[in-house]
PDB file of N, CA and C in Angstrom:
ATOM      1  N   MET A   1     109.399-124.499-225.775  1.00  0.00           N
ATOM      2  CA  MET A   1     108.521-124.106-227.266  1.00  0.00           C
ATOM      3  C   MET A   1     108.987-123.118-227.595  1.00  0.00           C
ATOM      4  N   CYS A   2     109.461-123.158-229.162  1.00  0.00           N
ATOM      5  CA  CYS A   2     110.100-122.136-230.010  1.00  0.00           C
ATOM      6  C   CYS A   2     109.354-121.050-230.102  1.00  0.00           C
ATOM      7  N   ALA A   3     109.856-120.033-230.545  1.00  0.00           N
ATOM      8  CA  ALA A   3     108.499-118.584-230.718  1.00  0.00           C
ATOM      9  C   ALA A   3     107.840-119.024-232.019  1.00  0.00           C
ATOM     10  N   ARG A   4     108.320-119.453-232.915  1.00  0.00           N
ATOM     11  CA  ARG A   4     107.228-120.056-233.812  1.00  0.00           C
ATOM     12  C   ARG A   4     106.153-120.746-233.742  1.00  0.00           C
ATOM     13  N   SER A   5     106.164-121.663-232.894  1.00  0.00           N
ATOM     14  CA  SER A   5     105.123-122.481-232.231  1.00  0.00           C
ATOM     15  C   SER A   5     104.500-121.810-231.346  1.00  0.00           C
ATOM     16  N   ALA A   6     104.794-120.858-230.932  1.00  0.00           N
ATOM     17  CA  ALA A   6     104.135-120.122-229.595  1.00  0.00           C
ATOM     18  C   ALA A   6     103.014-119.224-230.795  1.00  0.00           C
ATOM     19  N   LYS A   7     103.511-118.782-232.048  1.00  0.00           N
ATOM     20  CA  LYS A   7     102.691-118.183-232.479  1.00  0.00           C
ATOM     21  C   LYS A   7     101.781-118.564-233.288  1.00  0.00           C
ATOM     22  N   LEU A   8     101.966-120.132-233.707  1.00  0.00           N
ATOM     23  CA  LEU A   8     101.282-120.885-234.521  1.00  0.00           C
ATOM     24  C   LEU A   8     100.126-121.403-233.851  1.00  0.00           C
ATOM     25  N   ILE A   9     100.409-122.095-232.769  1.00  0.00           N
ATOM     26  CA  ILE A   9      99.838-122.864-231.662  1.00  0.00           C
ATOM     27  C   ILE A   9      98.191-122.174-231.339  1.00  0.00           C
ATOM     28  N   PRO A  10      98.637-121.105-230.711  1.00  0.00           N
ATOM     29  CA  PRO A  10      97.208-120.309-230.466  1.00  0.00           C
ATOM     30  C   PRO A  10      96.164-120.039-231.395  1.00  0.00           C
ATOM     31  N   GLY A  11      96.828-119.744-232.856  1.00  0.00           N
ATOM     32  CA  GLY A  11      95.783-119.501-233.986  1.00  0.00           C
ATOM     33  C   GLY A  11      95.095-120.769-234.568  1.00  0.00           C
ATOM     34  N   LEU A  12      95.960-122.096-234.191  1.00  0.00           N
ATOM     35  CA  LEU A  12      95.434-123.386-234.646  1.00  0.00           C
ATOM     36  C   LEU A  12      94.413-123.288-234.148  1.00  0.00           C
ATOM     37  N   LEU A  13      94.715-123.379-232.588  1.00  0.00           N
ATOM     38  CA  LEU A  13      93.463-123.718-231.647  1.00  0.00           C
ATOM     39  C   LEU A  13      92.290-122.931-231.799  1.00  0.00           C
ATOM     40  N   ARG A  14      92.592-121.593-232.125  1.00  0.00           N
ATOM     41  CA  ARG A  14      91.595-120.917-232.370  1.00  0.00           C
ATOM     42  C   ARG A  14      90.307-121.238-233.493  1.00  0.00           C
ATOM     43  N   GLN A  15      91.134-121.646-234.791  1.00  0.00           N
ATOM     44  CA  GLN A  15      90.749-122.246-235.640  1.00  0.00           C
ATOM     45  C   GLN A  15      89.967-123.651-235.593  1.00  0.00           C
ATOM     46  N   ILE A  16      90.326-124.329-234.608  1.00  0.00           N
ATOM     47  CA  ILE A  16      89.922-125.923-234.341  1.00  0.00           C
ATOM     48  C   ILE A  16      88.524-125.283-233.479  1.00  0.00           C
ATOM     49  N   ASP A  17      88.610-124.705-232.549  1.00  0.00           N
ATOM     50  CA  ASP A  17      87.496-124.247-231.948  1.00  0.00           C
ATOM     51  C   ASP A  17      86.558-123.934-232.644  1.00  0.00           C
ATOM     52  N   GLY A  18      86.799-123.058-233.754  1.00  0.00           N
ATOM     53  CA  GLY A  18      85.687-122.589-234.578  1.00  0.00           C
ATOM     54  C   GLY A  18      85.053-123.474-235.452  1.00  0.00           C
ATOM     55  N   GLU A  19      85.850-124.393-235.755  1.00  0.00           N
ATOM     56  CA  GLU A  19      85.113-125.615-236.680  1.00  0.00           C
ATOM     57  C   GLU A  19      84.606-126.584-235.729  1.00  0.00           C
ATOM     58  N   GLU A  20      84.848-126.670-234.420  1.00  0.00           N
ATOM     59  CA  GLU A  20      84.107-127.531-233.765  1.00  0.00           C
ATOM     60  C   GLU A  20      82.917-126.590-233.266  1.00  0.00           C
ATOM     61  N   ASN A  21      82.866-125.566-233.126  1.00  0.00           N
ATOM     62  CA  ASN A  21      81.242-124.692-233.150  1.00  0.00           C
ATOM     63  C   ASN A  21      80.321-124.942-234.378  1.00  0.00           C
ATOM     64  N   ILE A  22      81.195-124.987-235.524  1.00  0.00           N
ATOM     65  CA  ILE A  22      80.261-125.120-236.733  1.00  0.00           C
ATOM     66  C   ILE A  22      80.002-126.317-237.023  1.00  0.00           C
ATOM     67  N   ASN A  23      80.779-127.639-236.298  1.00  0.00           N
ATOM     68  CA  ASN A  23      80.531-128.941-236.665  1.00  0.00           C
ATOM     69  C   ASN A  23      79.415-129.570-235.520  1.00  0.00           C
ATOM     70  N   LYS A  24      79.030-128.566-234.315  1.00  0.00           N
ATOM     71  CA  LYS A  24      78.238-128.707-233.465  1.00  0.00           C
ATOM     72  C   LYS A  24      76.742-128.265-233.924  1.00  0.00           C
ATOM     73  N   HIS A  25      76.823-126.909-234.652  1.00  0.00           N
ATOM     74  CA  HIS A  25      75.892-126.337-235.028  1.00  0.00           C
ATOM     75  C   HIS A  25      75.179-127.230-236.304  1.00  0.00           C
ATOM     76  N   LEU A  26      75.982-127.564-237.080  1.00  0.00           N
ATOM     77  CA  LEU A  26      75.668-128.555-237.934  1.00  0.00           C
ATOM     78  C   LEU A  26      75.006-129.900-237.669  1.00  0.00           C
ATOM     79  N   HIS A  27      75.535-130.489-236.486  1.00  0.00           N
ATOM     80  CA  HIS A  27      74.674-131.855-236.073  1.00  0.00           C
ATOM     81  C   HIS A  27      73.235-131.530-235.492  1.00  0.00           C
ATOM     82  N   GLU A  28      73.246-130.175-234.798  1.00  0.00           N
ATOM     83  CA  GLU A  28      72.067-129.809-234.509  1.00  0.00           C
ATOM     84  C   GLU A  28      70.805-129.579-235.427  1.00  0.00           C
ATOM     85  N   GLU A  29      71.527-129.249-236.295  1.00  0.00           N
ATOM     86  CA  GLU A  29      70.659-128.752-237.842  1.00  0.00           C
ATOM     87  C   GLU A  29      70.326-130.005-238.233  1.00  0.00           C
ATOM     88  N   VAL A  30      70.864-130.710-238.309  1.00  0.00           N
ATOM     89  CA  VAL A  30      70.922-132.303-238.724  1.00  0.00           C
ATOM     90  C   VAL A  30      69.674-132.985-237.738  1.00  0.00           C
ATOM     91  N   ARG A  31      69.811-132.741-236.677  1.00  0.00           N
ATOM     92  CA  ARG A  31      68.823-133.567-235.585  1.00  0.00           C
ATOM     93  C   ARG A  31      67.546-133.031-235.942  1.00  0.00           C
ATOM     94  N   LYS A  32      67.732-131.676-235.886  1.00  0.00           N
ATOM     95  CA  LYS A  32      66.422-131.091-236.213  1.00  0.00           C
ATOM     96  C   LYS A  32      65.464-131.468-237.544  1.00  0.00           C
ATOM     97  N   LEU A  33      66.371-131.794-238.351  1.00  0.00           N
ATOM     98  CA  LEU A  33      65.849-131.855-240.087  1.00  0.00           C
ATOM     99  C   LEU A  33      65.761-133.695-240.132  1.00  0.00           C
ATOM    100  N   GLU A  34      66.319-134.287-239.352  1.00  0.00           N
ATOM    101  CA  GLU A  34      66.020-135.631-239.144  1.00  0.00           C
ATOM    102  C   GLU A  34      64.727-135.903-238.535  1.00  0.00           C
ATOM    103  N   ASN A  35      64.540-135.111-237.356  1.00  0.00           N
ATOM    104  CA  ASN A  35      63.158-134.845-236.591  1.00  0.00           C
ATOM    105  C   ASN A  35      61.719-134.546-237.069  1.00  0.00           C
ATOM    106  N   ARG A  36      62.287-133.675-238.248  1.00  0.00           N
ATOM    107  CA  ARG A  36      61.113-133.026-239.150  1.00  0.00           C
ATOM    108  C   ARG A  36      60.934-134.057-240.093  1.00  0.00           C
ATOM    109  N   ALA A  37      61.799-135.076-240.529  1.00  0.00           N
ATOM    110  CA  ALA A  37      61.461-135.737-241.640  1.00  0.00           C
ATOM    111  C   ALA A  37      60.731-136.984-241.230  1.00  0.00           C
ATOM    112  N   LYS A  38      60.880-137.091-239.928  1.00  0.00           N
ATOM    113  CA  LYS A  38      60.305-138.270-239.092  1.00  0.00           C
ATOM    114  C   LYS A  38      58.862-137.997-239.039  1.00  0.00           C
ATOM    115  N   ALA A  39      58.637-136.540-238.345  1.00  0.00           N
ATOM    116  CA  ALA A  39      57.559-136.130-238.485  1.00  0.00           C
ATOM    117  C   ALA A  39      56.545-136.190-239.814  1.00  0.00           C
ATOM    118  N   LEU A  40      57.109-135.862-240.847  1.00  0.00           N
ATOM    119  CA  LEU A  40      56.464-135.538-241.970  1.00  0.00           C
ATOM    120  C   LEU A  40      56.283-136.983-242.503  1.00  0.00           C
ATOM    121  N   GLU A  41      57.113-138.171-242.400  1.00  0.00           N
ATOM    122  CA  GLU A  41      56.708-139.395-242.791  1.00  0.00           C
ATOM    123  C   GLU A  41      55.581-140.056-241.902  1.00  0.00           C
ATOM    124  N   VAL A  42      55.091-139.735-240.825  1.00  0.00           N
ATOM    125  CA  VAL A  42      54.300-140.228-240.127  1.00  0.00           C
ATOM    126  C   VAL A  42      52.983-139.165-240.766  1.00  0.00           C
ATOM    127  N   GLU A  43      53.032-137.935-241.073  1.00  0.00           N
ATOM    128  CA  GLU A  43      51.688-137.151-241.726  1.00  0.00           C
ATOM    129  C   GLU A  43      51.774-137.806-243.214  1.00  0.00           C
ATOM    130  N   VAL A  44      52.752-138.352-243.653  1.00  0.00           N
ATOM    131  CA  VAL A  44      52.367-139.057-245.203  1.00  0.00           C
ATOM    132  C   VAL A  44      51.744-140.093-244.845  1.00  0.00           C
ATOM    133  N   GLY A  45      51.732-141.007-243.888  1.00  0.00           N
ATOM    134  CA  GLY A  45      51.295-142.227-243.726  1.00  0.00           C
ATOM    135  C   GLY A  45      49.943-142.040-243.319  1.00  0.00           C
ATOM    136  N   GLN A  46      49.468-140.915-242.546  1.00  0.00           N
ATOM    137  CA  GLN A  46      48.074-140.544-242.115  1.00  0.00           C
ATOM    138  C   GLN A  46      47.163-140.088-243.023  1.00  0.00           C
ATOM    139  N   LEU A  47      47.920-139.679-244.266  1.00  0.00           N
ATOM    140  CA  LEU A  47      47.159-139.085-245.473  1.00  0.00           C
ATOM    141  C   LEU A  47      46.930-140.092-246.554  1.00  0.00           C
ATOM    142  N   LYS A  48      48.087-140.906-246.235  1.00  0.00           N
ATOM    143  CA  LYS A  48      47.604-142.178-247.310  1.00  0.00           C
ATOM    144  C   LYS A  48      46.354-142.766-246.571  1.00  0.00           C
ATOM    145  N   ASP A  49      46.376-143.021-245.465  1.00  0.00           N
ATOM    146  CA  ASP A  49      45.179-144.254-244.997  1.00  0.00           C
ATOM    147  C   ASP A  49      43.978-143.142-245.235  1.00  0.00           C
ATOM    148  N   GLU A  50      43.870-141.696-244.956  1.00  0.00           N
ATOM    149  CA  GLU A  50      42.810-141.103-245.041  1.00  0.00           C
ATOM    150  C   GLU A  50      42.261-141.354-246.579  1.00  0.00           C
ATOM    151  N   LEU A  51      43.489-140.969-247.682  1.00  0.00           N
ATOM    152  CA  LEU A  51      42.862-141.446-248.830  1.00  0.00           C
ATOM    153  C   LEU A  51      42.472-142.818-249.375  1.00  0.00           C
ATOM    154  N   ARG A  52      43.025-143.874-248.488  1.00  0.00           N
ATOM    155  CA  ARG A  52      42.602-145.108-248.906  1.00  0.00           C
ATOM    156  C   ARG A  52      41.084-145.206-248.473  1.00  0.00           C
ATOM    157  N   LYS A  53      40.915-144.669-247.218  1.00  0.00           N
ATOM    158  CA  LYS A  53      39.511-144.830-246.623  1.00  0.00           C
ATOM    159  C   LYS A  53      38.677-144.028-247.759  1.00  0.00           C
ATOM    160  N   GLU A  54      38.879-142.553-248.209  1.00  0.00           N
ATOM    161  CA  GLU A  54      38.029-141.847-248.772  1.00  0.00           C
ATOM    162  C   GLU A  54      37.987-142.755-250.247  1.00  0.00           C
ATOM    163  N   ASN A  55      38.660-143.221-250.911  1.00  0.00           N
ATOM    164  CA  ASN A  55      38.678-143.910-252.135  1.00  0.00           C
ATOM    165  C   ASN A  55      37.950-145.416-251.822  1.00  0.00           C
ATOM    166  N   GLY A  56      38.062-145.999-250.837  1.00  0.00           N
ATOM    167  CA  GLY A  56      37.207-147.396-250.477  1.00  0.00           C
ATOM    168  C   GLY A  56      35.394-146.384-250.517  1.00  0.00           C
ATOM    169  N   ARG A  57      35.088-145.657-249.731  1.00  0.00           N
ATOM    170  CA  ARG A  57      34.026-144.961-249.668  1.00  0.00           C
ATOM    171  C   ARG A  57      33.396-144.580-251.198  1.00  0.00           C
ATOM    172  N   LYS A  58      34.282-143.959-251.917  1.00  0.00           N
ATOM    173  CA  LYS A  58      33.943-143.601-253.323  1.00  0.00           C
ATOM    174  C   LYS A  58      33.761-145.003-254.182  1.00  0.00           C
ATOM    175  N   ALA A  59      34.485-146.104-253.767  1.00  0.00           N
ATOM    176  CA  ALA A  59      34.311-147.107-254.702  1.00  0.00           C
ATOM    177  C   ALA A  59      32.754-147.861-254.404  1.00  0.00           C
ATOM    178  N   TRP A  60      32.281-147.934-252.836  1.00  0.00           N
ATOM    179  CA  TRP A  60      31.456-148.494-252.254  1.00  0.00           C
ATOM    180  C   TRP A  60      30.096-147.511-253.080  1.00  0.00           C
ATOM    181  N   THR A  61      30.294-146.088-252.900  1.00  0.00           N
ATOM    182  CA  THR A  61      29.356-145.404-253.782  1.00  0.00           C
ATOM    183  C   THR A  61      28.836-145.635-255.062  1.00  0.00           C
ATOM    184  N   LYS A  62      30.187-146.051-255.835  1.00  0.00           N
ATOM    185  CA  LYS A  62      29.832-146.062-257.285  1.00  0.00           C
ATOM    186  C   LYS A  62      29.126-147.817-257.207  1.00  0.00           C
ATOM    187  N   ARG A  63      29.336-148.535-256.290  1.00  0.00           N
ATOM    188  CA  ARG A  63      28.794-150.014-256.511  1.00  0.00           C
ATOM    189  C   ARG A  63      27.376-149.805-256.158  1.00  0.00           C
ATOM    190  N   ILE A  64      26.931-149.107-255.375  1.00  0.00           N
ATOM    191  CA  ILE A  64      25.717-148.850-254.625  1.00  0.00           C
ATOM    192  C   ILE A  64      24.766-148.333-255.660  1.00  0.00           C
ATOM    193  N   VAL A  65      25.588-147.166-256.467  1.00  0.00           N
ATOM    194  CA  VAL A  65      24.681-146.842-257.707  1.00  0.00           C
ATOM    195  C   VAL A  65      24.411-147.467-258.634  1.00  0.00           C
ATOM    196  N   ALA A  66      25.506-147.728-258.936  1.00  0.00           N
ATOM    197  CA  ALA A  66      25.573-149.151-260.186  1.00  0.00           C
ATOM    198  C   ALA A  66      24.560-150.195-260.096  1.00  0.00           C
ATOM    199  N   ALA A  67      24.464-150.781-258.718  1.00  0.00           N
ATOM    200  CA  ALA A  67      23.422-151.784-258.608  1.00  0.00           C
ATOM    201  C   ALA A  67      21.745-151.399-258.314  1.00  0.00           C
ATOM    202  N   TYR A  68      21.767-149.984-257.851  1.00  0.00           N
ATOM    203  CA  TYR A  68      20.691-149.177-257.895  1.00  0.00           C
ATOM    204  C   TYR A  68      20.022-148.837-259.263  1.00  0.00           C
ATOM    205  N   VAL A  69      20.943-148.407-260.100  1.00  0.00           N
ATOM    206  CA  VAL A  69      20.685-148.138-261.758  1.00  0.00           C
ATOM    207  C   VAL A  69      20.263-149.564-262.400  1.00  0.00           C
ATOM    208  N   CYS A  70      21.113-150.447-261.985  1.00  0.00           N
ATOM    209  CA  CYS A  70      20.625-151.910-262.733  1.00  0.00           C
ATOM    210  C   CYS A  70      19.583-152.641-262.167  1.00  0.00           C
ATOM    211  N   TYR A  71      19.204-152.494-260.962  1.00  0.00           N
ATOM    212  CA  TYR A  71      18.211-152.848-260.656  1.00  0.00           C
ATOM    213  C   TYR A  71      16.783-152.153-261.102  1.00  0.00           C
ATOM    214  N   ASN A  72      17.107-150.487-260.866  1.00  0.00           N
ATOM    215  CA  ASN A  72      15.596-149.857-261.743  1.00  0.00           C
ATOM    216  C   ASN A  72      15.455-150.331-263.320  1.00  0.00           C
ATOM    217  N   ALA A  73      16.671-150.283-263.807  1.00  0.00           N
ATOM    218  CA  ALA A  73      16.513-150.562-264.929  1.00  0.00           C
ATOM    219  C   ALA A  73      15.872-151.891-265.321  1.00  0.00           C
ATOM    220  N   ALA A  74      16.096-153.069-264.470  1.00  0.00           N
ATOM    221  CA  ALA A  74      15.712-154.456-265.071  1.00  0.00           C
ATOM    222  C   ALA A  74      14.093-154.226-264.300  1.00  0.00           C
ATOM    223  N   ASN A  75      13.812-153.227-263.742  1.00  0.00           N
ATOM    224  CA  ASN A  75      12.720-153.351-263.451  1.00  0.00           C
ATOM    225  C   ASN A  75      11.603-152.577-264.177  1.00  0.00           C
ATOM    226  N   TRP A  76      12.191-151.630-264.848  1.00  0.00           N
ATOM    227  CA  TRP A  76      11.065-150.683-265.688  1.00  0.00           C
ATOM    228  C   TRP A  76      10.241-151.431-266.461  1.00  0.00           C
TER     229      TRP A  76
END
């Protein structure tokens, strides 16, 4: 190996190692963020279900009140 190669190759190898470490770290971060996104999607689904149930209860309450008012108005 020539003198120039002996000087360049170790520096290039260090640079590659550093970039591989950064790449590994970024992959870990991506994995964490993907897991967090999945957890948030599940939470959103649960909240939508709760909201749907609450809206259903409110709708039935409104119907019952309307029927009660109409019944009482008719019997006055």
